[in-house]
């Protein structure tokens, strides 16, 4: 017969992971953060649902692995002993599902786009300017704020926060979190630089906020 309090001591031992357990879980967290993209990396006009699902799946996998590390080698009842070998496989499947979320979770921008009062202007190069092969693009934003990428997208997209997309001759070259961009090694001849202020999910606002300048590289 177990002595009084033995179940309590066993429960405390089960809830206290070893240093090795902590190291393994930490390694899993780092590996997951490198392998699986964060929601904020949903560039190209994504609203982020697939990335949010991927994040929850990775967190779930880490929880399963942590639970497995706590339980293995313990004196368990029959039901838990049967469950234990399947836990690493379940965690692996969750990580695989996280990587594949774009194939089964919609990544289309939300139909209810926020409108913004922000206005964007290209200060440099000036319209019609003649420049060298390296051009410093300088922008001015009024009525809005450029913010860093977020780990998780907010439920309601703010109307006065976003990022900057820069296009050169119609090609997207930068998704920036600032108001300066450097263009290098441009070919001689006419060029068009376009800057767009987009929402924090990298999709346009309901009213497009775009500025375009034509210039020539000598």
Protein backbone atom coordinates (compact mmCIF):
# COMPACT_ATOMS: atom_id res chain seq x y z
CA UNK A 1 0.00 0.00 0.00
CA UNK A 2 1.39 3.40 -0.89
CA UNK A 3 2.04 5.65 2.05
CA UNK A 4 -0.15 8.73 2.54
CA UNK A 5 1.04 11.55 0.38
CA UNK A 6 2.88 9.29 -2.10
CA UNK A 7 0.41 10.13 -4.88
CA UNK A 8 0.99 13.82 -4.24
CA UNK A 9 4.77 13.38 -4.45
CA UNK A 10 4.40 11.37 -7.68
CA UNK A 11 2.23 14.13 -9.14
CA UNK A 12 4.85 16.72 -8.25
CA UNK A 13 7.57 14.67 -9.89
CA UNK A 14 5.50 14.37 -13.06
CA UNK A 15 4.93 18.11 -13.22
CA UNK A 16 8.62 19.01 -12.81
CA UNK A 17 10.54 18.53 -16.12
CA UNK A 18 14.25 17.76 -16.05
CA UNK A 19 16.95 19.99 -17.53
CA UNK A 20 17.17 17.65 -20.51
CA UNK A 21 13.41 17.96 -21.07
CA UNK A 22 13.65 21.75 -21.05
CA UNK A 23 16.57 21.65 -23.50
CA UNK A 24 14.66 19.39 -25.89
CA UNK A 25 11.56 21.55 -25.77
CA UNK A 26 13.66 24.67 -26.31
CA UNK A 27 15.24 23.05 -29.34
CA UNK A 28 11.80 22.20 -30.70
CA UNK A 29 10.67 25.80 -30.25
CA UNK A 30 13.73 27.17 -32.09
CA UNK A 31 13.42 24.64 -34.90
CA UNK A 32 9.74 25.40 -35.31
CA UNK A 33 10.36 29.15 -35.43
CA UNK A 34 12.88 28.63 -38.24
CA UNK A 35 10.92 26.03 -40.21
CA UNK A 36 7.38 27.41 -40.03
CA UNK A 37 6.74 30.98 -41.16
CA UNK A 38 5.28 33.42 -38.70
CA UNK A 39 1.92 34.99 -39.54
CA UNK A 40 3.52 38.26 -40.13
CA UNK A 41 5.51 36.85 -43.01
CA UNK A 42 2.31 36.48 -45.02
CA UNK A 43 3.47 38.90 -47.70
CA UNK A 44 1.93 39.46 -51.07
CA UNK A 45 -1.48 40.52 -49.84
CA UNK A 46 -2.41 37.70 -47.51
CA UNK A 47 -4.76 38.16 -44.62
CA UNK A 48 -2.86 35.55 -42.63
CA UNK A 49 -5.40 32.81 -41.78
CA UNK A 50 -3.17 29.97 -43.00
CA UNK A 51 -0.23 31.35 -41.03
CA UNK A 52 -2.33 31.68 -37.88
CA UNK A 53 -3.47 28.05 -38.24
CA UNK A 54 0.17 27.01 -38.77
CA UNK A 55 1.20 28.82 -35.60
CA UNK A 56 -1.47 27.09 -33.50
CA UNK A 57 -0.49 23.69 -34.96
CA UNK A 58 3.18 24.23 -34.07
CA UNK A 59 2.26 25.33 -30.54
CA UNK A 60 0.08 22.22 -30.23
CA UNK A 61 2.95 20.02 -31.40
CA UNK A 62 5.28 21.55 -28.81
CA UNK A 63 2.69 20.93 -26.07
CA UNK A 64 2.35 17.28 -27.17
CA UNK A 65 6.14 16.79 -27.15
CA UNK A 66 6.44 18.45 -23.74
CA UNK A 67 3.71 16.18 -22.36
CA UNK A 68 5.43 13.12 -23.87
CA UNK A 69 8.75 14.10 -22.25
CA UNK A 70 7.04 14.43 -18.88
CA UNK A 71 5.26 11.09 -19.08
CA UNK A 72 7.84 8.77 -20.61
CA UNK A 73 9.55 6.46 -18.17
CA UNK A 74 6.87 7.05 -15.54
CA UNK A 75 4.67 4.51 -13.87
CA UNK A 76 1.48 5.04 -15.90
CA UNK A 77 -1.86 3.32 -16.13
CA UNK A 78 -2.67 1.12 -19.13
CA UNK A 79 -4.52 3.81 -21.11
CA UNK A 80 -1.63 6.27 -20.87
CA UNK A 81 0.94 3.58 -21.74
CA UNK A 82 -0.99 2.87 -24.95
CA UNK A 83 -1.16 6.56 -25.79
CA UNK A 84 2.52 7.34 -25.16
CA UNK A 85 4.12 5.80 -28.33
CA UNK A 86 1.71 7.69 -30.60
CA UNK A 87 2.46 11.14 -29.18
CA UNK A 88 5.72 11.89 -31.10
CA UNK A 89 4.04 10.80 -34.34
CA UNK A 90 1.07 13.03 -33.60
CA UNK A 91 3.39 16.00 -32.98
CA UNK A 92 5.23 15.31 -36.24
CA UNK A 93 1.92 15.21 -38.15
CA UNK A 94 0.90 18.53 -36.61
CA UNK A 95 4.15 20.15 -37.81
CA UNK A 96 3.67 18.70 -41.30
CA UNK A 97 0.11 20.03 -41.31
CA UNK A 98 1.44 23.45 -40.28
CA UNK A 99 3.78 23.50 -43.29
CA UNK A 100 0.94 22.47 -45.62
CA UNK A 101 -1.70 24.89 -44.29
CA UNK A 102 -1.59 27.14 -47.41
CA UNK A 103 -2.90 24.18 -49.43
CA UNK A 104 -6.09 23.76 -47.41
CA UNK A 105 -6.65 27.15 -45.66
CA UNK A 106 -7.71 30.16 -47.68
CA UNK A 107 -5.16 32.97 -47.89
CA UNK A 108 -7.32 35.46 -49.80
CA UNK A 109 -7.46 38.98 -48.43
CA UNK A 110 -10.50 39.80 -46.34
CA UNK A 111 -13.42 41.23 -48.33
CA UNK A 112 -14.09 43.79 -45.61
CA UNK A 113 -11.07 45.95 -46.28
CA UNK A 114 -10.48 48.94 -43.98
CA UNK A 115 -10.52 52.42 -45.50
CA UNK A 116 -7.79 54.87 -44.56
CA UNK A 117 -7.33 58.61 -44.55
CA UNK A 118 -3.57 58.23 -45.10
CA UNK A 119 -1.85 59.98 -48.00
CA UNK A 120 1.49 58.97 -49.52
CA UNK A 121 3.91 61.14 -51.49
CA UNK A 122 7.21 60.41 -53.22
CA UNK A 123 9.64 63.20 -52.30
CA UNK A 124 12.59 61.79 -54.21
CA UNK A 125 13.15 61.29 -57.08
CA UNK A 126 11.22 64.31 -58.30
CA UNK A 127 8.85 63.87 -61.26
CA UNK A 128 10.83 63.98 -64.51
CA UNK A 129 14.19 63.96 -62.71
CA UNK A 130 17.39 62.76 -64.36
CA UNK A 131 19.38 60.55 -62.02
CA UNK A 132 22.33 58.23 -61.84
CA UNK A 133 22.14 54.43 -61.61
CA UNK A 134 21.59 54.56 -57.84
CA UNK A 135 18.46 56.32 -56.64
CA UNK A 136 17.33 57.07 -53.10
CA UNK A 137 13.54 56.87 -52.87
CA UNK A 138 12.20 59.03 -50.06
CA UNK A 139 8.53 58.98 -49.05
CA UNK A 140 6.23 61.13 -46.94
CA UNK A 141 3.22 59.58 -45.22
CA UNK A 142 0.46 61.69 -43.70
CA UNK A 143 -2.49 60.41 -41.67
CA UNK A 144 -0.96 56.96 -41.21
CA UNK A 145 1.91 55.14 -39.56
CA UNK A 146 4.37 52.55 -40.84
CA UNK A 147 4.62 49.77 -38.25
CA UNK A 148 6.93 46.74 -37.86
CA UNK A 149 5.70 43.30 -38.77
CA UNK A 150 3.52 41.69 -36.12
CA UNK A 151 3.69 38.10 -34.92
CA UNK A 152 -0.10 37.74 -35.02
CA UNK A 153 -2.49 39.80 -37.10
CA UNK A 154 -5.14 41.73 -35.15
CA UNK A 155 -8.78 40.58 -35.51
CA UNK A 156 -9.69 43.99 -36.94
CA UNK A 157 -7.22 45.61 -39.30
CA UNK A 158 -6.32 49.17 -38.22
CA UNK A 159 -7.00 51.93 -40.73
CA UNK A 160 -3.99 54.07 -39.82
CA UNK A 161 -1.26 51.41 -39.62
CA UNK A 162 0.43 49.52 -42.43
CA UNK A 163 3.49 48.86 -44.55
CA UNK A 164 5.00 50.21 -47.77
CA UNK A 165 5.23 48.27 -51.04
CA UNK A 166 7.64 49.66 -53.64
CA UNK A 167 7.47 48.73 -57.33
CA UNK A 168 9.93 49.57 -60.07
CA UNK A 169 8.55 49.49 -63.60
CA UNK A 170 5.60 47.45 -62.35
CA UNK A 171 7.70 44.84 -60.49
CA UNK A 172 7.44 44.51 -56.71
CA UNK A 173 10.94 45.02 -55.31
CA UNK A 174 10.36 45.78 -51.64
CA UNK A 175 7.90 45.31 -48.78
CA UNK A 176 9.26 47.87 -46.40
CA UNK A 177 8.70 48.96 -42.81
CA UNK A 178 10.17 52.43 -43.42
CA UNK A 179 9.90 55.45 -45.69
CA UNK A 180 13.26 55.13 -47.46
CA UNK A 181 14.29 52.72 -50.19
CA UNK A 182 17.52 52.50 -52.19
CA UNK A 183 17.43 51.48 -55.87
CA UNK A 184 20.78 50.36 -57.26
CA UNK A 185 22.31 49.56 -60.65
CA UNK A 186 19.38 50.88 -62.67
CA UNK A 187 19.66 50.63 -66.43
CA UNK A 188 19.81 53.86 -68.45
CA UNK A 189 16.49 55.14 -69.73
CA UNK A 190 13.02 55.96 -68.38
CA UNK A 191 11.71 54.27 -65.23
CA UNK A 192 8.61 54.42 -63.05
CA UNK A 193 8.75 53.99 -59.28
CA UNK A 194 5.50 53.35 -57.44
CA UNK A 195 4.95 53.29 -53.67
CA UNK A 196 1.79 51.92 -52.05
CA UNK A 197 0.65 52.14 -48.45
CA UNK A 198 -1.00 48.82 -47.57
CA UNK A 199 -2.65 47.42 -44.44
CA UNK A 200 -0.75 45.34 -41.88
CA UNK A 201 -1.76 42.14 -43.72
CA UNK A 202 0.08 43.44 -46.83
CA UNK A 203 -3.15 43.74 -48.82
CA UNK A 204 -4.42 47.12 -50.13
CA UNK A 205 -6.77 49.33 -48.18
CA UNK A 206 -10.32 49.73 -49.47
CA UNK A 207 -9.17 52.99 -51.05
CA UNK A 208 -5.79 52.53 -52.73
CA UNK A 209 -3.02 54.78 -51.36
CA UNK A 210 -0.53 54.95 -54.23
CA UNK A 211 2.07 57.44 -55.46
CA UNK A 212 3.98 57.16 -58.75
CA UNK A 213 6.90 59.11 -60.20
CA UNK A 214 8.49 58.88 -63.67
CA UNK A 215 12.23 59.59 -63.92
CA UNK A 216 15.13 58.92 -66.27
CA UNK A 217 18.50 57.33 -65.57
CA UNK A 218 21.22 58.99 -67.64
